[in-house]
Protein backbone atom coordinates (compact mmCIF):
# COMPACT_ATOMS: atom_id res chain seq x y z
CA MET A 1 14.79 79.35 60.77
CA THR A 2 13.39 77.49 63.76
CA LYS A 3 9.91 77.36 65.29
CA ASN A 4 10.98 79.87 67.95
CA ASP A 5 11.95 82.37 65.24
CA LEU A 6 8.42 82.47 63.82
CA PRO A 7 6.04 85.30 64.81
CA GLY A 8 4.62 84.62 68.25
CA GLY A 9 6.90 81.67 68.97
CA VAL A 10 5.32 78.47 70.29
CA TYR A 11 2.14 77.76 72.23
CA ARG A 12 2.06 74.73 74.51
CA THR A 13 -1.13 72.93 75.46
CA ALA A 14 -1.84 69.36 76.58
CA GLY A 15 1.63 68.21 75.60
CA LEU A 16 1.43 69.80 72.13
CA GLU A 17 3.90 72.42 70.93
CA LEU A 18 2.25 74.40 68.14
CA THR A 19 3.80 77.39 66.40
CA ARG A 20 1.48 80.36 66.80
CA PHE A 21 2.13 81.12 63.14
CA GLY A 22 0.71 78.06 61.42
CA TYR A 23 -0.35 77.15 57.92
CA GLY A 24 -3.87 76.51 56.60
CA ALA A 25 -4.01 74.10 53.67
CA MET A 26 -7.47 74.89 52.26
CA GLN A 27 -6.09 76.94 49.37
CA LEU A 28 -4.10 73.97 48.09
CA ALA A 29 -7.27 72.57 46.49
CA GLY A 30 -8.68 73.84 43.21
CA PRO A 31 -11.14 76.72 42.68
CA GLY A 32 -13.99 76.66 45.19
CA VAL A 33 -11.98 74.15 47.25
CA PHE A 34 -12.83 71.48 44.67
CA GLY A 35 -10.49 69.24 42.74
CA PRO A 36 -6.73 69.45 42.28
CA PRO A 37 -4.67 72.66 42.15
CA LYS A 38 -3.48 74.05 38.83
CA ASP A 39 0.12 73.57 39.95
CA ARG A 40 0.59 70.53 42.19
CA ALA A 41 4.36 71.03 42.33
CA ALA A 42 3.81 74.54 43.75
CA ALA A 43 1.44 73.13 46.37
CA VAL A 44 4.05 70.58 47.42
CA ALA A 45 6.69 73.32 47.51
CA VAL A 46 4.71 75.59 49.83
CA LEU A 47 4.15 72.77 52.33
CA ARG A 48 7.84 71.89 52.35
CA GLU A 49 8.73 75.55 52.80
CA ALA A 50 6.34 75.79 55.75
CA VAL A 51 8.15 72.95 57.51
CA ALA A 52 11.55 74.39 56.55
CA MET A 53 10.49 77.69 58.16
CA GLY A 54 9.85 75.85 61.42
CA ILE A 55 6.05 75.70 61.27
CA THR A 56 4.76 72.80 63.40
CA HIS A 57 1.02 73.48 62.98
CA ILE A 58 -0.71 72.60 59.70
CA ASP A 59 -4.50 72.84 59.47
CA THR A 60 -6.45 70.75 56.97
CA ALA A 61 -9.64 68.74 56.39
CA ASP A 62 -10.32 65.75 54.19
CA PHE A 63 -13.38 67.52 52.79
CA TYR A 64 -11.07 70.08 51.14
CA GLY A 65 -11.03 68.89 47.57
CA PRO A 66 -12.40 66.53 48.81
CA HIS A 67 -9.35 64.45 49.77
CA VAL A 68 -7.03 66.65 47.67
CA THR A 69 -5.25 68.65 50.36
CA ASN A 70 -4.57 65.64 52.54
CA GLU A 71 -3.17 63.69 49.62
CA ILE A 72 -0.85 66.60 48.78
CA ILE A 73 0.23 66.93 52.42
CA ARG A 74 1.15 63.24 52.45
CA GLU A 75 3.05 63.54 49.15
CA ALA A 76 4.95 66.60 50.36
CA LEU A 77 5.74 65.75 53.96
CA ALA A 78 5.52 62.03 54.72
CA PRO A 79 7.28 60.58 56.60
CA TYR A 80 6.35 63.43 58.91
CA PRO A 81 8.82 65.17 61.25
CA ASP A 82 8.20 64.23 64.88
CA GLU A 83 7.41 67.80 65.95
CA LEU A 84 4.94 68.48 63.12
CA HIS A 85 1.28 68.44 64.18
CA ILE A 86 -1.47 68.10 61.58
CA VAL A 87 -4.85 69.37 62.78
CA THR A 88 -7.85 68.21 60.78
CA LYS A 89 -11.63 68.74 60.86
CA VAL A 90 -14.62 66.45 60.55
CA GLY A 91 -18.36 67.03 60.63
CA ALA A 92 -19.02 68.27 57.10
CA ARG A 93 -18.93 67.14 53.50
CA ARG A 94 -19.05 68.81 50.08
CA ASP A 95 -22.11 68.68 47.84
CA GLU A 96 -22.31 69.19 44.07
CA GLN A 97 -23.55 72.76 44.54
CA GLY A 98 -20.41 73.72 46.46
CA GLY A 99 -22.10 73.66 49.85
CA TRP A 100 -20.74 72.33 53.13
CA PRO A 101 -23.61 70.31 54.62
CA HIS A 102 -23.26 68.76 58.05
CA ALA A 103 -22.11 65.16 58.33
CA ARG A 104 -22.09 64.53 62.05
CA SER A 105 -23.70 61.17 62.71
CA PRO A 106 -21.43 58.75 64.62
CA GLN A 107 -20.99 56.60 61.51
CA GLU A 108 -20.22 59.60 59.29
CA LEU A 109 -17.63 60.81 61.77
CA ARG A 110 -16.01 57.38 62.01
CA THR A 111 -15.81 57.23 58.22
CA GLN A 112 -14.27 60.70 58.03
CA VAL A 113 -11.64 59.87 60.65
CA HIS A 114 -10.62 56.78 58.71
CA GLU A 115 -10.51 58.80 55.47
CA ASN A 116 -8.22 61.34 57.11
CA LEU A 117 -5.98 58.56 58.40
CA ARG A 118 -5.79 56.91 55.00
CA ASN A 119 -5.21 60.03 52.93
CA LEU A 120 -2.67 61.51 55.34
CA GLY A 121 -0.93 58.16 55.81
CA LEU A 122 -1.17 58.16 59.60
CA ASP A 123 -1.99 55.60 62.27
CA ALA A 124 -3.47 58.25 64.58
CA LEU A 125 -4.54 61.87 64.08
CA ASP A 126 -2.86 64.48 66.30
CA VAL A 127 -5.89 66.77 66.64
CA VAL A 128 -9.41 66.43 65.25
CA ASN A 129 -11.78 69.41 65.36
CA LEU A 130 -15.51 68.76 65.27
CA ARG A 131 -17.05 71.31 62.89
CA VAL A 132 -20.35 72.28 64.50
CA GLY A 133 -21.78 75.50 63.09
CA GLY A 134 -22.11 77.06 59.66
CA PHE A 135 -19.63 78.78 57.42
CA ASP A 136 -18.89 81.67 59.73
CA SER A 137 -20.83 81.30 62.97
CA PRO A 138 -22.01 78.76 65.55
CA GLU A 139 -25.44 77.15 65.49
CA PRO A 140 -27.15 76.52 68.85
CA GLY A 141 -27.86 73.01 70.06
CA SER A 142 -26.34 70.05 71.79
CA ILE A 143 -23.13 68.53 70.43
CA ALA A 144 -23.01 65.67 72.93
CA GLU A 145 -23.66 62.89 70.41
CA PRO A 146 -21.07 63.86 67.75
CA PHE A 147 -18.42 64.90 70.26
CA GLY A 148 -19.04 61.73 72.23
CA ALA A 149 -18.50 59.74 69.03
CA LEU A 150 -15.10 61.41 68.56
CA ALA A 151 -14.26 60.73 72.20
CA ASP A 152 -14.94 57.04 71.52
CA LEU A 153 -12.51 57.16 68.60
CA GLN A 154 -9.98 58.85 70.85
CA ARG A 155 -10.29 56.01 73.36
CA GLU A 156 -9.69 53.59 70.49
CA GLY A 157 -6.37 55.32 69.82
CA LEU A 158 -7.30 56.82 66.43
CA ILE A 159 -7.25 60.42 67.73
CA ARG A 160 -4.82 61.92 70.23
CA HIS A 161 -6.52 65.26 70.98
CA LEU A 162 -9.94 66.79 70.34
CA GLY A 163 -10.95 70.31 69.32
CA LEU A 164 -14.01 72.22 68.18
CA SER A 165 -14.85 74.53 65.27
CA THR A 166 -17.62 77.16 64.97
CA VAL A 167 -18.94 76.72 68.51
CA ASN A 168 -20.19 78.90 71.34
CA ALA A 169 -19.18 78.87 75.01
CA GLU A 170 -22.06 76.60 76.00
CA GLN A 171 -21.05 73.99 73.44
CA LEU A 172 -17.44 74.18 74.61
CA ALA A 173 -18.55 73.50 78.17
CA GLU A 174 -20.75 70.62 77.04
CA ALA A 175 -17.83 69.06 75.17
CA GLN A 176 -15.48 69.49 78.13
CA ALA A 177 -17.84 67.44 80.27
CA ILE A 178 -17.21 64.57 77.83
CA ALA A 179 -13.49 64.89 77.03
CA PRO A 180 -10.70 67.50 77.17
CA VAL A 181 -10.65 70.15 74.42
CA VAL A 182 -7.28 71.50 73.25
CA CYS A 183 -8.38 74.08 70.68
CA VAL A 184 -11.32 76.10 69.38
CA GLN A 185 -11.39 77.27 65.76
CA ASN A 186 -13.90 80.05 65.01
CA MET A 187 -14.18 83.02 62.68
CA TYR A 188 -12.63 86.01 64.45
CA ASN A 189 -10.71 89.08 63.36
CA ILE A 190 -10.43 92.84 63.86
CA ALA A 191 -13.94 93.42 62.51
CA ARG A 192 -15.62 90.25 63.83
CA ARG A 193 -15.22 90.58 67.59
CA GLY A 194 -18.19 88.53 68.77
CA ASP A 195 -15.88 85.92 70.29
CA ASP A 196 -13.97 88.31 72.54
CA ASP A 197 -15.28 86.64 75.70
CA LEU A 198 -14.57 83.16 74.31
CA VAL A 199 -11.00 84.16 73.42
CA ASP A 200 -10.46 85.25 77.01
CA LEU A 201 -12.16 82.15 78.41
CA THR A 202 -10.02 79.76 76.38
CA ALA A 203 -6.90 81.69 77.34
CA ARG A 204 -7.70 81.22 81.02
CA GLN A 205 -8.26 77.51 80.47
CA GLY A 206 -5.07 76.91 78.46
CA ILE A 207 -6.98 76.15 75.25
CA ALA A 208 -5.63 77.34 71.91
CA TYR A 209 -7.91 79.70 69.97
CA VAL A 210 -7.47 79.44 66.20
CA PRO A 211 -9.22 82.16 64.17
CA TYR A 212 -9.96 81.81 60.47
CA PHE A 213 -10.64 84.41 57.75
CA PRO A 214 -8.49 87.28 59.12
CA LEU A 215 -10.07 89.68 56.59
CA GLY A 216 -13.57 88.18 56.51
CA GLY A 217 -16.76 90.10 57.34
CA PHE A 218 -15.37 93.65 57.10
CA SER A 219 -17.74 96.45 56.13
CA PRO A 220 -16.57 98.84 53.37
CA LEU A 221 -15.85 101.51 56.01
CA GLN A 222 -13.85 99.09 58.16
CA SER A 223 -11.87 97.97 55.10
CA ASP A 224 -11.05 101.60 54.27
CA GLU A 225 -9.97 102.27 57.86
CA LEU A 226 -7.74 99.19 57.86
CA GLN A 227 -6.23 100.24 54.54
CA ASP A 228 -5.51 103.71 55.95
CA ALA A 229 -3.88 102.21 59.05
CA ALA A 230 -1.76 99.92 56.87
CA ARG A 231 -0.51 102.86 54.80
CA ARG A 232 0.48 104.81 57.91
CA LEU A 233 2.44 101.81 59.20
CA ALA A 234 3.97 101.05 55.77
CA SER A 235 2.33 97.63 55.90
CA THR A 236 -0.58 95.79 54.28
CA PRO A 237 -4.09 95.09 55.57
CA LEU A 238 -3.39 91.35 55.82
CA SER A 239 -0.14 91.91 57.71
CA LEU A 240 -1.93 94.19 60.18
CA ALA A 241 -4.75 91.69 60.59
CA LEU A 242 -2.35 88.81 61.31
CA ALA A 243 -0.15 90.87 63.63
CA TRP A 244 -3.20 92.14 65.54
CA LEU A 245 -4.39 88.58 66.12
CA LEU A 246 -1.05 87.55 67.61
CA HIS A 247 -1.12 90.65 69.84
CA ARG A 248 -4.71 89.99 70.91
CA SER A 249 -4.06 87.02 73.22
CA PRO A 250 -1.18 84.62 73.95
CA ASN A 251 -3.36 81.60 73.11
CA MET A 252 -4.12 82.91 69.60
CA LEU A 253 -2.77 80.68 66.80
CA ILE A 254 -3.13 81.83 63.18
CA ILE A 255 -3.43 79.58 60.13
CA ALA A 256 -3.03 81.93 57.18
CA GLY A 257 -3.30 79.98 53.95
CA THR A 258 -1.63 80.45 50.59
CA SER A 259 -0.58 78.38 47.60
CA SER A 260 2.59 80.43 47.06
CA VAL A 261 5.98 80.10 48.75
CA GLU A 262 6.51 83.83 48.28
CA HIS A 263 3.21 84.72 49.93
CA LEU A 264 3.92 82.32 52.80
CA ARG A 265 7.14 84.18 53.54
CA GLU A 266 5.37 87.54 53.19
CA ASN A 267 2.66 86.42 55.63
CA ALA A 268 5.27 85.42 58.19
CA ALA A 269 7.09 88.72 57.84
CA GLY A 270 3.82 90.65 58.10
CA ALA A 271 2.66 88.75 61.18
CA ALA A 272 5.94 89.66 62.89
CA LEU A 273 5.02 93.36 62.75
CA GLN A 274 5.28 94.95 66.18
CA LEU A 275 2.23 97.14 66.79
CA PRO A 276 2.70 100.16 69.08
CA PRO A 277 -0.05 100.95 71.60
CA ASP A 278 -1.61 103.69 69.47
CA ALA A 279 -1.86 101.34 66.47
CA LEU A 280 -3.45 98.64 68.62
CA ALA A 281 -5.97 101.17 69.92
CA GLU A 282 -6.79 102.25 66.38
CA LEU A 283 -7.32 98.68 65.21
CA ASP A 284 -9.45 97.89 68.27
CA ALA A 285 -11.60 100.92 67.43
CA ILE A 286 -12.19 99.60 63.91
CA GLY A 287 -13.63 96.40 65.32
CA ARG A 288 -15.85 98.24 67.77
CA GLY A 289 -17.18 100.68 65.19
CA GLN A 290 -15.50 103.65 66.88
CA LEU A 291 -13.53 106.52 65.39
CA LEU A 292 -10.57 107.77 67.37
CA PRO A 293 -9.98 111.54 67.69
CA GLY A 294 -8.05 112.94 64.75
CA LYS A 295 -8.89 109.98 62.48
């Protein structure tokens, strides 16, 4: 299999070629995204399978574990293939209660960039996303200082490209006045459609939009409707959710995570599902709280 055989093919932005079907490494850490996995060999195997499948887009963060996922990525994949792009995040840390408090001072960001470099075994990071908001939504306010700090590190040659995570359109524009932005990573799925305008805006600007939690934030009714749609299409809710995202916009890149080689292959097969117009309309209606005639 090659990158062009994966669901959605390849998205090109700012000199990067990223497979629209990517891999998110968060689940490689232990329970609660703390500590090592139960089966480190399985974690290594799923990363190697991802690359063997042609995936060129791996998403991670050094605060997963912390440090665990990046160390496993290095063990599994270094020396890295030339076309593989590792996208990481900074701007948060883990506390003893399992929280994700902000860590966005210039010095904290510099430390995190160096930790990512060390644990991944790289001289420069392909893409660094600044995590701005909370767990599932943006928080208002200026991001000039932290994004400016990352732009300084980019000028030093430690970062090649910059991105943003959990931001709104105003924060994206503020960042773009400082340095180019190649991707935005926010929570978005069939049920969580608040970023519709931002998806369209980034598409017009040639910026990749990377949604996380494809099944997050569904109401019980929406979950039932998605399950019913999946049964009619002889599919699964996750497969429908991933396929819908790839249909939604050509700049949409998905980073479904798993710690299983089998599930990775299943996710790729599910994301390749071709959705006919009536199925797309039905899924759109779920997100907008509508009920189509006859349903």
